[in-house]
Amino acid sequence: MIDRHDGKIVACIAGYGPSAQLADTMLEKAAAEGFSSGMRAGSVYPERWEERTCGEVLALIDECIHWYDHDRIKQSLGWMSPVQYRLSHELAA
């Protein structure tokens, strides 16, 4: 789930494969398809995810979320990352 105020990822869900239950859970938690599509294309697929363990894929997801929150800058936030923006406005990171 992405905070619409500053774009920080505040929750996520992962599963072992596509399923109706996973899709329903993601919808209930307001899944961020734009983020997950970019993450799949940029982090998991080029690394031949089918040959990786679940732990390795989850580590890639964690790295991507860290980049998305801490390193990715947004023009709408004054060229700051979501975490930098929250810290500069004394919001909870």
PDB file of N, CA and C in Angstrom:
ATOM      1  N   MET A   1       0.847  -1.156   0.000  1.00  0.00           N
ATOM      2  CA  MET A   1       0.000   0.000   0.000  1.00  0.00           C
ATOM      3  C   MET A   1       0.905   1.234   0.000  1.00  0.00           C
ATOM      4  N   ILE A   2       0.575   2.180  -0.850  1.00  0.00           N
ATOM      5  CA  ILE A   2       1.365   3.404  -0.968  1.00  0.00           C
ATOM      6  C   ILE A   2       0.577   4.570  -0.404  1.00  0.00           C
ATOM      7  N   ASP A   3       1.229   5.365   0.437  1.00  0.00           N
ATOM      8  CA  ASP A   3       0.631   6.571   0.987  1.00  0.00           C
ATOM      9  C   ASP A   3       0.463   7.572  -0.158  1.00  0.00           C
ATOM     10  N   ARG A   4      -0.756   8.009  -0.404  1.00  0.00           N
ATOM     11  CA  ARG A   4      -1.003   8.923  -1.521  1.00  0.00           C
ATOM     12  C   ARG A   4      -0.465  10.325  -1.253  1.00  0.00           C
ATOM     13  N   HIS A   5      -0.149  10.640  -0.016  1.00  0.00           N
ATOM     14  CA  HIS A   5       0.385  11.963   0.305  1.00  0.00           C
ATOM     15  C   HIS A   5       1.808  12.141  -0.215  1.00  0.00           C
ATOM     16  N   ASP A   6       2.672  11.153   0.075  1.00  0.00           N
ATOM     17  CA  ASP A   6       4.078  11.306  -0.312  1.00  0.00           C
ATOM     18  C   ASP A   6       4.646  10.125  -1.095  1.00  0.00           C
ATOM     19  N   GLY A   7       3.851   9.114  -1.357  1.00  0.00           N
ATOM     20  CA  GLY A   7       4.312   7.992  -2.171  1.00  0.00           C
ATOM     21  C   GLY A   7       5.114   6.943  -1.444  1.00  0.00           C
ATOM     22  N   LYS A   8       5.188   6.988  -0.104  1.00  0.00           N
ATOM     23  CA  LYS A   8       5.946   5.991   0.651  1.00  0.00           C
ATOM     24  C   LYS A   8       5.163   4.691   0.728  1.00  0.00           C
ATOM     25  N   ILE A   9       5.848   3.593   0.585  1.00  0.00           N
ATOM     26  CA  ILE A   9       5.213   2.292   0.746  1.00  0.00           C
ATOM     27  C   ILE A   9       5.014   2.066   2.240  1.00  0.00           C
ATOM     28  N   VAL A  10       3.786   1.825   2.648  1.00  0.00           N
ATOM     29  CA  VAL A  10       3.491   1.644   4.060  1.00  0.00           C
ATOM     30  C   VAL A  10       3.075   0.218   4.391  1.00  0.00           C
ATOM     31  N   ALA A  11       2.784  -0.613   3.382  1.00  0.00           N
ATOM     32  CA  ALA A  11       2.449  -2.016   3.607  1.00  0.00           C
ATOM     33  C   ALA A  11       2.589  -2.765   2.294  1.00  0.00           C
ATOM     34  N   CYS A  12       2.880  -4.064   2.379  1.00  0.00           N
ATOM     35  CA  CYS A  12       2.948  -4.887   1.176  1.00  0.00           C
ATOM     36  C   CYS A  12       2.570  -6.315   1.525  1.00  0.00           C
ATOM     37  N   ILE A  13       2.294  -7.098   0.493  1.00  0.00           N
ATOM     38  CA  ILE A  13       1.966  -8.515   0.666  1.00  0.00           C
ATOM     39  C   ILE A  13       2.646  -9.295  -0.453  1.00  0.00           C
ATOM     40  N   ALA A  14       3.114 -10.489  -0.161  1.00  0.00           N
ATOM     41  CA  ALA A  14       3.761 -11.326  -1.160  1.00  0.00           C
ATOM     42  C   ALA A  14       3.232 -12.743  -1.012  1.00  0.00           C
ATOM     43  N   GLY A  15       3.279 -13.494  -2.091  1.00  0.00           N
ATOM     44  CA  GLY A  15       2.824 -14.878  -2.065  1.00  0.00           C
ATOM     45  C   GLY A  15       3.692 -15.737  -2.953  1.00  0.00           C
ATOM     46  N   TYR A  16       3.392 -17.036  -2.980  1.00  0.00           N
ATOM     47  CA  TYR A  16       4.190 -17.986  -3.755  1.00  0.00           C
ATOM     48  C   TYR A  16       3.811 -18.022  -5.224  1.00  0.00           C
ATOM     49  N   GLY A  17       2.713 -17.449  -5.590  1.00  0.00           N
ATOM     50  CA  GLY A  17       2.287 -17.422  -6.977  1.00  0.00           C
ATOM     51  C   GLY A  17       0.942 -16.752  -7.090  1.00  0.00           C
ATOM     52  N   PRO A  18       0.518 -16.491  -8.307  1.00  0.00           N
ATOM     53  CA  PRO A  18      -0.770 -15.820  -8.476  1.00  0.00           C
ATOM     54  C   PRO A  18      -1.912 -16.721  -8.021  1.00  0.00           C
ATOM     55  N   SER A  19      -2.830 -16.149  -7.296  1.00  0.00           N
ATOM     56  CA  SER A  19      -4.016 -16.876  -6.862  1.00  0.00           C
ATOM     57  C   SER A  19      -5.126 -15.876  -6.594  1.00  0.00           C
ATOM     58  N   ALA A  20      -6.348 -16.363  -6.616  1.00  0.00           N
ATOM     59  CA  ALA A  20      -7.488 -15.491  -6.340  1.00  0.00           C
ATOM     60  C   ALA A  20      -7.415 -14.966  -4.912  1.00  0.00           C
ATOM     61  N   GLN A  21      -6.976 -15.796  -3.977  1.00  0.00           N
ATOM     62  CA  GLN A  21      -6.884 -15.367  -2.577  1.00  0.00           C
ATOM     63  C   GLN A  21      -5.859 -14.247  -2.424  1.00  0.00           C
ATOM     64  N   LEU A  22      -4.707 -14.365  -3.065  1.00  0.00           N
ATOM     65  CA  LEU A  22      -3.687 -13.321  -2.995  1.00  0.00           C
ATOM     66  C   LEU A  22      -4.212 -12.031  -3.618  1.00  0.00           C
ATOM     67  N   ALA A  23      -4.871 -12.150  -4.770  1.00  0.00           N
ATOM     68  CA  ALA A  23      -5.432 -10.962  -5.425  1.00  0.00           C
ATOM     69  C   ALA A  23      -6.468 -10.287  -4.537  1.00  0.00           C
ATOM     70  N   ASP A  24      -7.341 -11.086  -3.908  1.00  0.00           N
ATOM     71  CA  ASP A  24      -8.349 -10.514  -3.010  1.00  0.00           C
ATOM     72  C   ASP A  24      -7.697  -9.809  -1.824  1.00  0.00           C
ATOM     73  N   THR A  25      -6.669 -10.426  -1.256  1.00  0.00           N
ATOM     74  CA  THR A  25      -5.971  -9.821  -0.116  1.00  0.00           C
ATOM     75  C   THR A  25      -5.310  -8.519  -0.536  1.00  0.00           C
ATOM     76  N   MET A  26      -4.695  -8.494  -1.722  1.00  0.00           N
ATOM     77  CA  MET A  26      -4.050  -7.276  -2.197  1.00  0.00           C
ATOM     78  C   MET A  26      -5.077  -6.172  -2.412  1.00  0.00           C
ATOM     79  N   LEU A  27      -6.230  -6.523  -2.973  1.00  0.00           N
ATOM     80  CA  LEU A  27      -7.271  -5.522  -3.179  1.00  0.00           C
ATOM     81  C   LEU A  27      -7.792  -4.982  -1.861  1.00  0.00           C
ATOM     82  N   GLU A  28      -7.937  -5.859  -0.883  1.00  0.00           N
ATOM     83  CA  GLU A  28      -8.380  -5.413   0.442  1.00  0.00           C
ATOM     84  C   GLU A  28      -7.379  -4.449   1.065  1.00  0.00           C
ATOM     85  N   LYS A  29      -6.101  -4.631   0.759  1.00  0.00           N
ATOM     86  CA  LYS A  29      -5.055  -3.779   1.313  1.00  0.00           C
ATOM     87  C   LYS A  29      -4.666  -2.652   0.353  1.00  0.00           C
ATOM     88  N   ALA A  30      -5.482  -2.433  -0.683  1.00  0.00           N
ATOM     89  CA  ALA A  30      -5.255  -1.368  -1.669  1.00  0.00           C
ATOM     90  C   ALA A  30      -3.884  -1.492  -2.321  1.00  0.00           C
ATOM     91  N   ALA A  31      -3.647  -2.617  -2.990  1.00  0.00           N
ATOM     92  CA  ALA A  31      -2.342  -2.914  -3.622  1.00  0.00           C
ATOM     93  C   ALA A  31      -1.960  -1.841  -4.621  1.00  0.00           C
ATOM     94  N   ALA A  32      -0.653  -1.637  -4.762  1.00  0.00           N
ATOM     95  CA  ALA A  32      -0.103  -0.624  -5.663  1.00  0.00           C
ATOM     96  C   ALA A  32       0.435  -1.324  -6.905  1.00  0.00           C
ATOM     97  N   GLU A  33      -0.410  -1.540  -7.896  1.00  0.00           N
ATOM     98  CA  GLU A  33      -0.010  -2.281  -9.086  1.00  0.00           C
ATOM     99  C   GLU A  33       1.104  -1.585  -9.842  1.00  0.00           C
ATOM    100  N   GLY A  34       1.092  -0.255  -9.910  1.00  0.00           N
ATOM    101  CA  GLY A  34       2.150   0.456 -10.610  1.00  0.00           C
ATOM    102  C   GLY A  34       3.517   0.173 -10.016  1.00  0.00           C
ATOM    103  N   PHE A  35       3.596   0.125  -8.705  1.00  0.00           N
ATOM    104  CA  PHE A  35       4.856  -0.195  -8.048  1.00  0.00           C
ATOM    105  C   PHE A  35       5.245  -1.641  -8.305  1.00  0.00           C
ATOM    106  N   SER A  36       4.296  -2.569  -8.121  1.00  0.00           N
ATOM    107  CA  SER A  36       4.647  -3.976  -8.250  1.00  0.00           C
ATOM    108  C   SER A  36       5.028  -4.328  -9.684  1.00  0.00           C
ATOM    109  N   SER A  37       4.397  -3.711 -10.681  1.00  0.00           N
ATOM    110  CA  SER A  37       4.777  -3.973 -12.064  1.00  0.00           C
ATOM    111  C   SER A  37       6.202  -3.509 -12.330  1.00  0.00           C
ATOM    112  N   GLY A  38       6.545  -2.325 -11.860  1.00  0.00           N
ATOM    113  CA  GLY A  38       7.898  -1.813 -12.029  1.00  0.00           C
ATOM    114  C   GLY A  38       8.914  -2.642 -11.289  1.00  0.00           C
ATOM    115  N   MET A  39       8.534  -3.107 -10.104  1.00  0.00           N
ATOM    116  CA  MET A  39       9.444  -3.924  -9.323  1.00  0.00           C
ATOM    117  C   MET A  39       9.706  -5.250 -10.031  1.00  0.00           C
ATOM    118  N   ARG A  40       8.674  -5.872 -10.559  1.00  0.00           N
ATOM    119  CA  ARG A  40       8.853  -7.145 -11.273  1.00  0.00           C
ATOM    120  C   ARG A  40       9.766  -6.953 -12.468  1.00  0.00           C
ATOM    121  N   ALA A  41       9.535  -5.901 -13.224  1.00  0.00           N
ATOM    122  CA  ALA A  41      10.329  -5.667 -14.432  1.00  0.00           C
ATOM    123  C   ALA A  41      11.762  -5.289 -14.094  1.00  0.00           C
ATOM    124  N   GLY A  42      11.960  -4.541 -13.031  1.00  0.00           N
ATOM    125  CA  GLY A  42      13.285  -4.031 -12.733  1.00  0.00           C
ATOM    126  C   GLY A  42      14.121  -4.861 -11.789  1.00  0.00           C
ATOM    127  N   SER A  43      13.483  -5.688 -10.975  1.00  0.00           N
ATOM    128  CA  SER A  43      14.240  -6.398  -9.952  1.00  0.00           C
ATOM    129  C   SER A  43      14.170  -7.911 -10.044  1.00  0.00           C
ATOM    130  N   VAL A  44      13.007  -8.440 -10.245  1.00  0.00           N
ATOM    131  CA  VAL A  44      12.847  -9.882 -10.113  1.00  0.00           C
ATOM    132  C   VAL A  44      13.007 -10.603 -11.445  1.00  0.00           C
ATOM    133  N   TYR A  45      12.331 -10.170 -12.489  1.00  0.00           N
ATOM    134  CA  TYR A  45      12.378 -10.895 -13.754  1.00  0.00           C
ATOM    135  C   TYR A  45      13.775 -10.989 -14.354  1.00  0.00           C
ATOM    136  N   PRO A  46      14.558  -9.908 -14.401  1.00  0.00           N
ATOM    137  CA  PRO A  46      15.889 -10.051 -15.001  1.00  0.00           C
ATOM    138  C   PRO A  46      16.794 -11.010 -14.232  1.00  0.00           C
ATOM    139  N   GLU A  47      16.455 -11.282 -13.009  1.00  0.00           N
ATOM    140  CA  GLU A  47      17.276 -12.160 -12.175  1.00  0.00           C
ATOM    141  C   GLU A  47      16.818 -13.622 -12.266  1.00  0.00           C
ATOM    142  N   ARG A  48      15.979 -13.948 -13.266  1.00  0.00           N
ATOM    143  CA  ARG A  48      15.477 -15.310 -13.443  1.00  0.00           C
ATOM    144  C   ARG A  48      14.841 -15.814 -12.147  1.00  0.00           C
ATOM    145  N   TRP A  49      13.771 -15.141 -11.758  1.00  0.00           N
ATOM    146  CA  TRP A  49      13.121 -15.420 -10.480  1.00  0.00           C
ATOM    147  C   TRP A  49      12.722 -16.868 -10.314  1.00  0.00           C
ATOM    148  N   GLU A  50      12.442 -17.561 -11.408  1.00  0.00           N
ATOM    149  CA  GLU A  50      12.009 -18.960 -11.279  1.00  0.00           C
ATOM    150  C   GLU A  50      13.123 -19.857 -10.745  1.00  0.00           C
ATOM    151  N   GLU A  51      14.370 -19.385 -10.815  1.00  0.00           N
ATOM    152  CA  GLU A  51      15.498 -20.158 -10.303  1.00  0.00           C
ATOM    153  C   GLU A  51      15.902 -19.737  -8.899  1.00  0.00           C
ATOM    154  N   ARG A  52      15.182 -18.787  -8.313  1.00  0.00           N
ATOM    155  CA  ARG A  52      15.524 -18.274  -6.985  1.00  0.00           C
ATOM    156  C   ARG A  52      14.640 -18.886  -5.914  1.00  0.00           C
ATOM    157  N   THR A  53      15.169 -18.927  -4.698  1.00  0.00           N
ATOM    158  CA  THR A  53      14.367 -19.385  -3.570  1.00  0.00           C
ATOM    159  C   THR A  53      13.404 -18.279  -3.160  1.00  0.00           C
ATOM    160  N   CYS A  54      12.420 -18.643  -2.393  1.00  0.00           N
ATOM    161  CA  CYS A  54      11.459 -17.656  -1.898  1.00  0.00           C
ATOM    162  C   CYS A  54      12.182 -16.577  -1.096  1.00  0.00           C
ATOM    163  N   GLY A  55      13.133 -16.967  -0.278  1.00  0.00           N
ATOM    164  CA  GLY A  55      13.889 -16.008   0.523  1.00  0.00           C
ATOM    165  C   GLY A  55      14.660 -15.017  -0.327  1.00  0.00           C
ATOM    166  N   GLU A  56      15.233 -15.498  -1.434  1.00  0.00           N
ATOM    167  CA  GLU A  56      15.976 -14.614  -2.329  1.00  0.00           C
ATOM    168  C   GLU A  56      15.043 -13.606  -3.004  1.00  0.00           C
ATOM    169  N   VAL A  57      13.871 -14.060  -3.431  1.00  0.00           N
ATOM    170  CA  VAL A  57      12.913 -13.145  -4.054  1.00  0.00           C
ATOM    171  C   VAL A  57      12.431 -12.119  -3.042  1.00  0.00           C
ATOM    172  N   LEU A  58      12.156 -12.552  -1.814  1.00  0.00           N
ATOM    173  CA  LEU A  58      11.717 -11.610  -0.776  1.00  0.00           C
ATOM    174  C   LEU A  58      12.805 -10.588  -0.466  1.00  0.00           C
ATOM    175  N   ALA A  59      14.073 -11.001  -0.503  1.00  0.00           N
ATOM    176  CA  ALA A  59      15.170 -10.052  -0.287  1.00  0.00           C
ATOM    177  C   ALA A  59      15.211  -9.020  -1.419  1.00  0.00           C
ATOM    178  N   LEU A  60      14.982  -9.454  -2.668  1.00  0.00           N
ATOM    179  CA  LEU A  60      14.920  -8.516  -3.792  1.00  0.00           C
ATOM    180  C   LEU A  60      13.767  -7.523  -3.609  1.00  0.00           C
ATOM    181  N   ILE A  61      12.632  -8.024  -3.135  1.00  0.00           N
ATOM    182  CA  ILE A  61      11.483  -7.152  -2.891  1.00  0.00           C
ATOM    183  C   ILE A  61      11.826  -6.128  -1.820  1.00  0.00           C
ATOM    184  N   ASP A  62      12.464  -6.569  -0.737  1.00  0.00           N
ATOM    185  CA  ASP A  62      12.869  -5.643   0.332  1.00  0.00           C
ATOM    186  C   ASP A  62      13.814  -4.569  -0.197  1.00  0.00           C
ATOM    187  N   GLU A  63      14.771  -4.958  -1.047  1.00  0.00           N
ATOM    188  CA  GLU A  63      15.709  -3.986  -1.625  1.00  0.00           C
ATOM    189  C   GLU A  63      14.965  -2.960  -2.472  1.00  0.00           C
ATOM    190  N   CYS A  64      14.007  -3.432  -3.250  1.00  0.00           N
ATOM    191  CA  CYS A  64      13.247  -2.549  -4.124  1.00  0.00           C
ATOM    192  C   CYS A  64      12.404  -1.571  -3.304  1.00  0.00           C
ATOM    193  N   ILE A  65      11.777  -2.063  -2.252  1.00  0.00           N
ATOM    194  CA  ILE A  65      10.979  -1.186  -1.386  1.00  0.00           C
ATOM    195  C   ILE A  65      11.873  -0.150  -0.717  1.00  0.00           C
ATOM    196  N   HIS A  66      13.063  -0.549  -0.269  1.00  0.00           N
ATOM    197  CA  HIS A  66      13.983   0.404   0.357  1.00  0.00           C
ATOM    198  C   HIS A  66      14.358   1.493  -0.647  1.00  0.00           C
ATOM    199  N   TRP A  67      14.697   1.095  -1.887  1.00  0.00           N
ATOM    200  CA  TRP A  67      15.028   2.086  -2.912  1.00  0.00           C
ATOM    201  C   TRP A  67      13.843   3.013  -3.160  1.00  0.00           C
ATOM    202  N   TYR A  68      12.654   2.447  -3.279  1.00  0.00           N
ATOM    203  CA  TYR A  68      11.449   3.217  -3.589  1.00  0.00           C
ATOM    204  C   TYR A  68      11.182   4.272  -2.521  1.00  0.00           C
ATOM    205  N   ASP A  69      11.406   3.920  -1.258  1.00  0.00           N
ATOM    206  CA  ASP A  69      11.130   4.843  -0.147  1.00  0.00           C
ATOM    207  C   ASP A  69      12.286   5.785   0.179  1.00  0.00           C
ATOM    208  N   HIS A  70      13.526   5.322   0.045  1.00  0.00           N
ATOM    209  CA  HIS A  70      14.684   6.083   0.525  1.00  0.00           C
ATOM    210  C   HIS A  70      15.498   6.776  -0.564  1.00  0.00           C
ATOM    211  N   ASP A  71      15.533   6.226  -1.765  1.00  0.00           N
ATOM    212  CA  ASP A  71      16.424   6.748  -2.798  1.00  0.00           C
ATOM    213  C   ASP A  71      15.713   7.384  -3.987  1.00  0.00           C
ATOM    214  N   ARG A  72      14.496   6.973  -4.288  1.00  0.00           N
ATOM    215  CA  ARG A  72      13.751   7.484  -5.447  1.00  0.00           C
ATOM    216  C   ARG A  72      13.218   8.871  -5.125  1.00  0.00           C
ATOM    217  N   ILE A  73      13.634   9.855  -5.900  1.00  0.00           N
ATOM    218  CA  ILE A  73      13.172  11.218  -5.642  1.00  0.00           C
ATOM    219  C   ILE A  73      11.952  11.530  -6.501  1.00  0.00           C
ATOM    220  N   LYS A  74      11.122  12.438  -5.991  1.00  0.00           N
ATOM    221  CA  LYS A  74       9.896  12.818  -6.699  1.00  0.00           C
ATOM    222  C   LYS A  74       9.849  14.337  -6.836  1.00  0.00           C
ATOM    223  N   GLN A  75       9.532  14.796  -8.015  1.00  0.00           N
ATOM    224  CA  GLN A  75       9.407  16.234  -8.243  1.00  0.00           C
ATOM    225  C   GLN A  75       8.339  16.826  -7.334  1.00  0.00           C
ATOM    226  N   SER A  76       7.223  16.109  -7.148  1.00  0.00           N
ATOM    227  CA  SER A  76       6.124  16.621  -6.326  1.00  0.00           C
ATOM    228  C   SER A  76       6.502  16.775  -4.853  1.00  0.00           C
ATOM    229  N   LEU A  77       7.602  16.154  -4.440  1.00  0.00           N
ATOM    230  CA  LEU A  77       8.069  16.273  -3.051  1.00  0.00           C
ATOM    231  C   LEU A  77       9.282  17.193  -2.960  1.00  0.00           C
ATOM    232  N   GLY A  78       9.464  18.053  -3.939  1.00  0.00           N
ATOM    233  CA  GLY A  78      10.607  18.961  -3.930  1.00  0.00           C
ATOM    234  C   GLY A  78      11.919  18.249  -4.187  1.00  0.00           C
ATOM    235  N   TRP A  79      11.875  17.224  -5.044  1.00  0.00           N
ATOM    236  CA  TRP A  79      13.054  16.431  -5.403  1.00  0.00           C
ATOM    237  C   TRP A  79      13.657  15.709  -4.208  1.00  0.00           C
ATOM    238  N   MET A  80      12.791  15.239  -3.318  1.00  0.00           N
ATOM    239  CA  MET A  80      13.195  14.425  -2.166  1.00  0.00           C
ATOM    240  C   MET A  80      12.556  13.050  -2.286  1.00  0.00           C
ATOM    241  N   SER A  81      13.130  12.081  -1.578  1.00  0.00           N
ATOM    242  CA  SER A  81      12.504  10.767  -1.481  1.00  0.00           C
ATOM    243  C   SER A  81      11.357  10.875  -0.470  1.00  0.00           C
ATOM    244  N   PRO A  82      10.433   9.911  -0.450  1.00  0.00           N
ATOM    245  CA  PRO A  82       9.364   9.963   0.540  1.00  0.00           C
ATOM    246  C   PRO A  82       9.879  10.034   1.986  1.00  0.00           C
ATOM    247  N   VAL A  83      10.932   9.285   2.296  1.00  0.00           N
ATOM    248  CA  VAL A  83      11.477   9.321   3.661  1.00  0.00           C
ATOM    249  C   VAL A  83      12.109  10.682   3.955  1.00  0.00           C
ATOM    250  N   GLN A  84      12.877  11.233   2.998  1.00  0.00           N
ATOM    251  CA  GLN A  84      13.464  12.563   3.199  1.00  0.00           C
ATOM    252  C   GLN A  84      12.362  13.603   3.404  1.00  0.00           C
ATOM    253  N   TYR A  85      11.292  13.492   2.628  1.00  0.00           N
ATOM    254  CA  TYR A  85      10.177  14.426   2.748  1.00  0.00           C
ATOM    255  C   TYR A  85       9.540  14.343   4.131  1.00  0.00           C
ATOM    256  N   ARG A  86       9.299  13.121   4.596  1.00  0.00           N
ATOM    257  CA  ARG A  86       8.699  12.955   5.930  1.00  0.00           C
ATOM    258  C   ARG A  86       9.601  13.513   7.021  1.00  0.00           C
ATOM    259  N   LEU A  87      10.895  13.248   6.906  1.00  0.00           N
ATOM    260  CA  LEU A  87      11.832  13.752   7.917  1.00  0.00           C
ATOM    261  C   LEU A  87      11.905  15.294   7.886  1.00  0.00           C
ATOM    262  N   SER A  88      11.880  15.868   6.694  1.00  0.00           N
ATOM    263  CA  SER A  88      11.968  17.325   6.594  1.00  0.00           C
ATOM    264  C   SER A  88      10.714  18.020   7.114  1.00  0.00           C
ATOM    265  N   HIS A  89       9.616  17.292   7.149  1.00  0.00           N
ATOM    266  CA  HIS A  89       8.360  17.853   7.659  1.00  0.00           C
ATOM    267  C   HIS A  89       8.002  17.281   9.027  1.00  0.00           C
ATOM    268  N   GLU A  90       8.967  16.626   9.647  1.00  0.00           N
ATOM    269  CA  GLU A  90       8.820  16.043  10.973  1.00  0.00           C
ATOM    270  C   GLU A  90       7.628  15.089  11.059  1.00  0.00           C
ATOM    271  N   LEU A  91       7.429  14.319   9.985  1.00  0.00           N
ATOM    272  CA  LEU A  91       6.399  13.280   9.960  1.00  0.00           C
ATOM    273  C   LEU A  91       7.061  11.959  10.307  1.00  0.00           C
ATOM    274  N   ALA A  92       6.287  11.011  10.750  1.00  0.00           N
ATOM    275  CA  ALA A  92       6.846   9.703  11.085  1.00  0.00           C
ATOM    276  C   ALA A  92       7.382   9.047   9.828  1.00  0.00           C
ATOM    277  N   ALA A  93       8.626   8.569   9.865  1.00  0.00           N
ATOM    278  CA  ALA A  93       9.220   7.896   8.709  1.00  0.00           C
ATOM    279  C   ALA A  93       8.805   6.461   8.733  1.00  0.00           C
TER     280      ALA A  93
END
